Amino acid sequence: METVFNYDTPVIALAKLNKEGYTIDYNQEFDELFSESDDFTIDYLYRYEGITDPGDESSVYGIRNTISGHKGVFVAGNLSVIEGRKRDIIINLEIRSKQTQN
């Protein structure tokens, strides 16, 4: 997983990922990610932190299904305010991606 901090803007990160084939919006199309979360990995992670307000934190994830090859993005503000299963899946994907890096 490639982690990039303060990469211009989330819009630029999304455009770059789109050019690389990350076209599914997993914020809207969450069913596949929900039902097959073990088949996914995070390829790219762009983090943005507010200069003065931690509430301005956001992340853009480039996510790939390692079986089907489907690629998409998930955009999150502060993960602590995302509800239930979505938060758990994203956090577990981050943990797994970090473990495979080491």
C-alpha atoms as a PDB file:
ATOM      1  CA  MET A   1       0.000   0.000   0.000  1.00  0.00           C
ATOM      2  CA  GLU A   2       1.334   3.389  -0.940  1.00  0.00           C
ATOM      3  CA  THR A   3       0.435   6.066   1.611  1.00  0.00           C
ATOM      4  CA  VAL A   4       0.620   9.693   0.552  1.00  0.00           C
ATOM      5  CA  PHE A   5       0.127  12.571   2.993  1.00  0.00           C
ATOM      6  CA  ASN A   6      -1.173  15.970   1.872  1.00  0.00           C
ATOM      7  CA  TYR A   7      -1.298  15.122  -1.835  1.00  0.00           C
ATOM      8  CA  ASP A   8      -2.591  18.389  -3.361  1.00  0.00           C
ATOM      9  CA  THR A   9      -6.357  17.831  -2.937  1.00  0.00           C
ATOM     10  CA  PRO A  10      -8.748  14.890  -2.685  1.00  0.00           C
ATOM     11  CA  VAL A  11     -10.124  15.836  -6.117  1.00  0.00           C
ATOM     12  CA  ILE A  12      -6.672  15.445  -7.677  1.00  0.00           C
ATOM     13  CA  ALA A  13      -6.141  12.137  -5.877  1.00  0.00           C
ATOM     14  CA  LEU A  14      -9.504  10.865  -7.168  1.00  0.00           C
ATOM     15  CA  ALA A  15      -8.655  11.951 -10.727  1.00  0.00           C
ATOM     16  CA  LYS A  16      -5.289  10.165 -10.562  1.00  0.00           C
ATOM     17  CA  LEU A  17      -6.893   6.982  -9.243  1.00  0.00           C
ATOM     18  CA  ASN A  18      -9.593   7.177 -11.920  1.00  0.00           C
ATOM     19  CA  LYS A  19      -6.897   7.287 -14.624  1.00  0.00           C
ATOM     20  CA  GLU A  20      -5.417   4.137 -13.093  1.00  0.00           C
ATOM     21  CA  GLY A  21      -8.757   2.307 -13.338  1.00  0.00           C
ATOM     22  CA  TYR A  22     -10.182   2.923  -9.867  1.00  0.00           C
ATOM     23  CA  THR A  23     -13.628   3.774 -11.185  1.00  0.00           C
ATOM     24  CA  ILE A  24     -16.089   2.189  -8.733  1.00  0.00           C
ATOM     25  CA  ASP A  25     -17.354   4.492  -5.994  1.00  0.00           C
ATOM     26  CA  TYR A  26     -17.385   2.180  -2.975  1.00  0.00           C
ATOM     27  CA  ASN A  27     -19.114   4.859  -0.919  1.00  0.00           C
ATOM     28  CA  GLN A  28     -22.160   4.224  -3.159  1.00  0.00           C
ATOM     29  CA  GLU A  29     -21.487   0.637  -4.302  1.00  0.00           C
ATOM     30  CA  PHE A  30     -20.590  -0.849  -0.920  1.00  0.00           C
ATOM     31  CA  ASP A  31     -22.337  -4.237  -1.322  1.00  0.00           C
ATOM     32  CA  GLU A  32     -19.388  -6.019  -2.994  1.00  0.00           C
ATOM     33  CA  LEU A  33     -16.955  -4.612  -0.448  1.00  0.00           C
ATOM     34  CA  PHE A  34     -19.342  -5.533   2.362  1.00  0.00           C
ATOM     35  CA  SER A  35     -19.923  -9.137   1.262  1.00  0.00           C
ATOM     36  CA  GLU A  36     -16.390  -9.922   0.047  1.00  0.00           C
ATOM     37  CA  SER A  37     -14.174  -7.743   2.254  1.00  0.00           C
ATOM     38  CA  ASP A  38     -11.539 -10.480   2.638  1.00  0.00           C
ATOM     39  CA  ASP A  39     -10.908 -10.294  -1.128  1.00  0.00           C
ATOM     40  CA  PHE A  40      -9.984  -6.599  -1.061  1.00  0.00           C
ATOM     41  CA  THR A  41      -6.761  -4.735  -0.486  1.00  0.00           C
ATOM     42  CA  ILE A  42      -5.854  -1.063  -0.271  1.00  0.00           C
ATOM     43  CA  ASP A  43      -3.401  -0.113  -3.016  1.00  0.00           C
ATOM     44  CA  TYR A  44      -3.302   3.631  -2.359  1.00  0.00           C
ATOM     45  CA  LEU A  45      -4.112   5.743   0.660  1.00  0.00           C
ATOM     46  CA  TYR A  46      -4.118   9.537   0.534  1.00  0.00           C
ATOM     47  CA  ARG A  47      -4.430  11.217   3.935  1.00  0.00           C
ATOM     48  CA  TYR A  48      -5.337  14.840   4.523  1.00  0.00           C
ATOM     49  CA  GLU A  49      -5.098  16.468   7.912  1.00  0.00           C
ATOM     50  CA  GLY A  50      -6.452  19.866   8.807  1.00  0.00           C
ATOM     51  CA  ILE A  51      -3.758  22.380   9.673  1.00  0.00           C
ATOM     52  CA  THR A  52      -5.619  23.687  12.704  1.00  0.00           C
ATOM     53  CA  ASP A  53      -8.715  21.507  13.035  1.00  0.00           C
ATOM     54  CA  PRO A  54      -8.461  17.708  13.418  1.00  0.00           C
ATOM     55  CA  GLY A  55     -12.069  17.602  12.217  1.00  0.00           C
ATOM     56  CA  ASP A  56     -10.780  18.449   8.740  1.00  0.00           C
ATOM     57  CA  GLU A  57      -9.168  15.001   8.465  1.00  0.00           C
ATOM     58  CA  SER A  58     -10.042  12.952   5.380  1.00  0.00           C
ATOM     59  CA  SER A  59      -8.740   9.926   3.491  1.00  0.00           C
ATOM     60  CA  VAL A  60      -9.014   8.683  -0.087  1.00  0.00           C
ATOM     61  CA  TYR A  61      -8.549   4.936  -0.536  1.00  0.00           C
ATOM     62  CA  GLY A  62      -7.695   3.180  -3.813  1.00  0.00           C
ATOM     63  CA  ILE A  63      -9.168  -0.289  -3.220  1.00  0.00           C
ATOM     64  CA  ARG A  64      -8.845  -3.415  -5.398  1.00  0.00           C
ATOM     65  CA  ASN A  65     -10.600  -6.777  -5.316  1.00  0.00           C
ATOM     66  CA  THR A  66      -7.698  -9.238  -5.549  1.00  0.00           C
ATOM     67  CA  ILE A  67      -9.952 -11.940  -7.068  1.00  0.00           C
ATOM     68  CA  SER A  68     -12.088 -10.069  -9.614  1.00  0.00           C
ATOM     69  CA  GLY A  69      -9.692  -7.182 -10.259  1.00  0.00           C
ATOM     70  CA  HIS A  70     -12.446  -4.607  -9.681  1.00  0.00           C
ATOM     71  CA  LYS A  71     -10.940  -1.304  -8.555  1.00  0.00           C
ATOM     72  CA  GLY A  72     -12.544   1.656  -6.900  1.00  0.00           C
ATOM     73  CA  VAL A  73     -12.278   4.384  -4.334  1.00  0.00           C
ATOM     74  CA  PHE A  74     -13.624   5.002  -0.871  1.00  0.00           C
ATOM     75  CA  VAL A  75     -13.538   8.522   0.571  1.00  0.00           C
ATOM     76  CA  ALA A  76     -13.837   9.042   4.304  1.00  0.00           C
ATOM     77  CA  GLY A  77     -13.734  11.962   6.640  1.00  0.00           C
ATOM     78  CA  ASN A  78     -12.818  11.184  10.201  1.00  0.00           C
ATOM     79  CA  LEU A  79     -13.169   7.380  10.495  1.00  0.00           C
ATOM     80  CA  SER A  80     -14.539   7.697  14.016  1.00  0.00           C
ATOM     81  CA  VAL A  81     -17.764   9.211  12.671  1.00  0.00           C
ATOM     82  CA  ILE A  82     -18.389   6.529  10.018  1.00  0.00           C
ATOM     83  CA  GLU A  83     -21.022   4.102  11.177  1.00  0.00           C
ATOM     84  CA  GLY A  84     -20.547   0.461  12.111  1.00  0.00           C
ATOM     85  CA  ARG A  85     -19.636  -2.073   9.459  1.00  0.00           C
ATOM     86  CA  LYS A  86     -18.194   0.403   6.911  1.00  0.00           C
ATOM     87  CA  ARG A  87     -15.742   1.715   9.496  1.00  0.00           C
ATOM     88  CA  ASP A  88     -14.817  -1.805  10.607  1.00  0.00           C
ATOM     89  CA  ILE A  89     -14.159  -2.977   7.047  1.00  0.00           C
ATOM     90  CA  ILE A  90     -11.984   0.031   6.182  1.00  0.00           C
ATOM     91  CA  ILE A  91      -9.988  -0.233   9.416  1.00  0.00           C
ATOM     92  CA  ASN A  92      -9.469  -3.979   8.873  1.00  0.00           C
ATOM     93  CA  LEU A  93      -8.340  -3.345   5.285  1.00  0.00           C
ATOM     94  CA  GLU A  94      -5.831  -0.762   6.543  1.00  0.00           C
ATOM     95  CA  ILE A  95      -4.485  -3.167   9.166  1.00  0.00           C
ATOM     96  CA  ARG A  96      -4.147  -6.021   6.649  1.00  0.00           C
ATOM     97  CA  SER A  97      -2.486  -3.761   4.082  1.00  0.00           C
ATOM     98  CA  LYS A  98       0.052  -2.536   6.648  1.00  0.00           C
ATOM     99  CA  GLN A  99       0.795  -6.101   7.752  1.00  0.00           C
ATOM    100  CA  THR A 100       1.500  -7.235   4.190  1.00  0.00           C
ATOM    101  CA  GLN A 101       3.923  -4.319   3.755  1.00  0.00           C
ATOM    102  CA  ASN A 102       6.110  -5.487   6.645  1.00  0.00           C
END
